[in-house]
Protein backbone atom coordinates (compact mmCIF):
# COMPACT_ATOMS: atom_id res chain seq x y z
CA MET A 1 6.77 11.24 -7.09
CA LYS A 2 8.28 10.72 -3.63
CA LYS A 3 5.25 12.43 -2.10
CA ILE A 4 2.91 10.04 -3.93
CA PHE A 5 4.98 7.05 -2.78
CA LEU A 6 4.85 8.23 0.83
CA THR A 7 1.10 8.73 0.55
CA ILE A 8 0.63 5.25 -0.90
CA ALA A 9 2.71 3.59 1.78
CA THR A 10 0.98 5.37 4.61
CA ALA A 11 -2.43 4.68 3.14
CA ALA A 12 -1.46 1.07 2.58
CA LEU A 13 -0.72 0.53 6.24
CA PHE A 14 -3.95 2.10 7.38
CA THR A 15 -6.29 1.07 4.57
CA VAL A 16 -9.93 1.26 5.47
CA ASN A 17 -13.01 0.55 3.47
CA ALA A 18 -14.96 3.57 4.68
CA PHE A 19 -15.09 6.78 2.69
CA ALA A 20 -13.91 10.04 4.09
CA ALA A 21 -16.70 12.51 4.66
CA ASP A 22 -15.34 14.87 2.01
CA GLY A 23 -13.59 12.38 -0.17
CA GLY A 24 -14.36 9.39 -2.23
CA LYS A 25 -17.11 8.37 -4.50
CA ARG A 26 -18.14 4.85 -5.32
CA ASP A 27 -17.42 3.24 -8.66
CA GLY A 28 -18.82 5.55 -11.28
CA GLY A 29 -18.70 8.59 -8.99
CA THR A 30 -17.70 11.92 -10.42
CA ASN A 31 -14.44 12.08 -8.46
CA VAL A 32 -13.01 8.85 -9.89
CA SER A 33 -11.49 9.39 -13.31
CA TYR A 34 -12.78 7.46 -16.29
CA ILE A 35 -9.24 6.32 -17.10
CA ALA A 36 -8.76 4.86 -13.59
CA LEU A 37 -12.16 3.12 -13.69
CA HIS A 38 -11.51 1.70 -17.15
CA GLY A 39 -7.98 0.56 -16.24
CA PHE A 40 -9.17 -1.03 -13.03
CA THR A 41 -11.97 -2.91 -14.80
CA ALA A 42 -9.50 -4.24 -17.38
CA ASP A 43 -6.79 -5.19 -14.87
CA PHE A 44 -9.01 -6.60 -12.13
CA ALA A 45 -11.99 -8.09 -13.97
CA ASP A 46 -12.63 -10.64 -11.17
CA ALA A 47 -12.71 -8.01 -8.41
CA THR A 48 -15.67 -7.92 -6.04
CA ASP A 49 -16.71 -5.54 -3.25
CA VAL A 50 -15.00 -2.62 -4.97
CA SER A 51 -15.02 0.77 -3.26
CA TRP A 52 -13.20 3.92 -4.31
CA THR A 53 -11.64 6.75 -2.34
CA VAL A 54 -10.21 9.87 -3.94
CA THR A 55 -7.67 12.03 -2.13
CA LYS A 56 -5.78 15.09 -3.26
CA ASN A 57 -2.94 12.84 -4.56
CA THR A 58 -4.43 9.47 -5.50
CA GLN A 59 -7.46 7.42 -6.48
CA LYS A 60 -7.70 4.21 -4.48
CA ALA A 61 -9.80 1.13 -5.20
CA THR A 62 -10.19 -1.36 -2.35
CA PHE A 63 -11.47 -4.73 -3.52
CA THR A 64 -11.40 -8.50 -3.11
CA VAL A 65 -9.98 -11.04 -5.58
CA ASP A 66 -10.04 -14.77 -4.80
CA GLY A 67 -10.83 -14.03 -1.16
CA VAL A 68 -7.85 -11.65 -0.74
CA GLN A 69 -8.41 -7.97 0.01
CA LYS A 70 -6.22 -5.67 -2.07
CA THR A 71 -5.92 -2.00 -2.82
CA ALA A 72 -5.01 -0.55 -6.22
CA PHE A 73 -3.65 2.99 -6.47
CA TYR A 74 -3.94 5.35 -9.41
CA ASN A 75 -2.62 8.87 -9.78
CA LEU A 76 -5.05 11.69 -10.52
CA GLN A 77 -4.45 11.25 -14.24
CA GLY A 78 -5.68 7.65 -13.94
CA GLU A 79 -2.30 5.94 -14.33
CA PHE A 80 -1.91 2.71 -12.36
CA LEU A 81 0.70 3.11 -9.59
CA GLY A 82 0.57 -0.29 -7.88
CA THR A 83 -1.25 -2.59 -5.47
CA THR A 84 -1.01 -3.41 -1.81
CA GLN A 85 -2.20 -6.29 0.30
CA ARG A 86 -1.67 -7.56 3.81
CA VAL A 87 0.61 -10.57 4.07
CA ASP A 88 1.79 -12.85 6.83
CA ASN A 89 5.04 -11.85 8.51
CA LYS A 90 6.53 -15.07 7.12
CA ALA A 91 6.60 -13.28 3.75
CA ILE A 92 9.36 -11.00 5.03
CA PRO A 93 12.74 -12.07 3.60
CA ALA A 94 14.79 -13.96 6.23
CA LYS A 95 17.73 -11.53 5.92
CA ALA A 96 15.43 -8.59 6.63
CA LEU A 97 13.75 -10.33 9.55
CA ALA A 98 17.17 -11.00 11.11
CA GLN A 99 18.09 -7.35 10.65
CA ILE A 100 14.80 -6.22 12.25
CA THR A 101 15.44 -8.51 15.22
CA LYS A 102 18.93 -7.02 15.63
CA GLU A 103 18.14 -3.32 15.05
CA TYR A 104 14.71 -3.21 16.70
CA LYS A 105 15.20 -5.28 19.85
CA GLY A 106 12.07 -5.36 21.96
CA TYR A 107 9.80 -4.55 19.02
CA LYS A 108 7.19 -6.99 17.77
CA VAL A 109 6.23 -7.32 14.14
CA GLY A 110 2.67 -6.15 13.57
CA GLU A 111 0.96 -5.69 10.26
CA VAL A 112 2.92 -6.39 7.06
CA ILE A 113 1.88 -4.84 3.74
CA VAL A 114 3.44 -5.74 0.40
CA TYR A 115 3.47 -3.04 -2.27
CA GLN A 116 3.78 -4.14 -5.90
CA ALA A 117 4.73 -1.01 -7.87
CA ASN A 118 4.07 -0.28 -11.51
CA THR A 119 7.64 0.28 -12.66
CA ASP A 120 6.44 1.31 -16.13
CA ILE A 121 5.47 4.67 -14.60
CA ASN A 122 8.45 5.00 -12.25
CA ASP A 123 11.45 2.79 -12.94
CA THR A 124 13.38 4.20 -9.98
CA ILE A 125 11.15 2.47 -7.42
CA ASP A 126 11.55 -1.12 -6.26
CA PRO A 127 9.01 -3.41 -7.93
CA THR A 128 8.26 -5.02 -4.55
CA SER A 129 8.53 -3.45 -1.11
CA TYR A 130 7.31 -4.59 2.28
CA PHE A 131 6.09 -2.15 4.91
CA VAL A 132 6.33 -3.55 8.42
CA ASP A 133 4.69 -2.07 11.49
CA LEU A 134 6.93 -2.56 14.55
CA LYS A 135 5.66 -1.95 18.08
CA ASN A 136 7.00 -1.99 21.60
CA ASP A 137 5.42 -0.70 24.82
CA ASN A 138 6.26 2.94 24.08
CA HIS A 139 6.80 3.31 20.34
CA GLU A 140 5.49 2.26 16.98
CA VAL A 141 7.48 2.65 13.77
CA LEU A 142 7.02 1.77 10.14
CA VAL A 143 9.97 0.34 8.25
CA ARG A 144 10.35 -0.41 4.56
CA ILE A 145 12.06 -3.53 3.30
CA THR A 146 13.63 -3.01 -0.10
CA GLN A 147 13.91 -5.48 -2.96
CA GLN A 148 17.44 -6.29 -1.71
CA ALA A 149 16.04 -7.08 1.79
CA ASN A 150 17.51 -3.91 3.32
CA ILE A 151 15.66 -2.18 6.15
CA GLU A 152 14.88 1.54 5.91
CA PHE A 153 13.21 3.58 8.61
CA PHE A 154 10.07 4.97 7.02
CA GLN A 155 7.94 6.72 9.61
CA GLN A 156 7.40 7.17 13.33
CA VAL A 157 3.79 6.16 14.01
CA LYS A 158 3.63 6.61 17.79
C-alpha cells in the first residue's frame, strides 16, 4: 500500500492531462476497469473534461468540477483511493508553514497539492495530506504535511 501511496503522491505533483504513449485509454477504454468507471460516474456526476490514464499501479481520472481541476485515483481493482487538487499555499496550516520556513531556509514554496484519501480502504493513512514542492537555486524537494501539521521529507526532485 505504501508503494501505491508513493505513486499517487508523485503523480499528484506532476499531473498532466496527456496520455502516455503506452498507457491510458479514454473513458470507456479497455484498460479502465468497469468498477472504476462506474464508481467515478457515481461519485463525480458533475465532472467534465474527463480523461483517464492507467499505469501498472493505478487508474487515474483527471477532470473538472465547478471550474476546479481534480484527479481521482483508483487501484487496479477499481477501488477509490482518493483525490488530489492544486491549492493555494495559503491552504498550508500555519504551524507547518512556520516549520518549513525554519527547516528549509532559502527555499520557496512552489506547487501545493492536497490529497484527500479514502480511509475506508486504508485507515492507517491521514485523511488529508498536503504535498509541497520546495525550490531553491540548486535543489528541489517534495515534503508531505500530515494531518497534525508535521513536515515529512518525501522525495528529492532535483
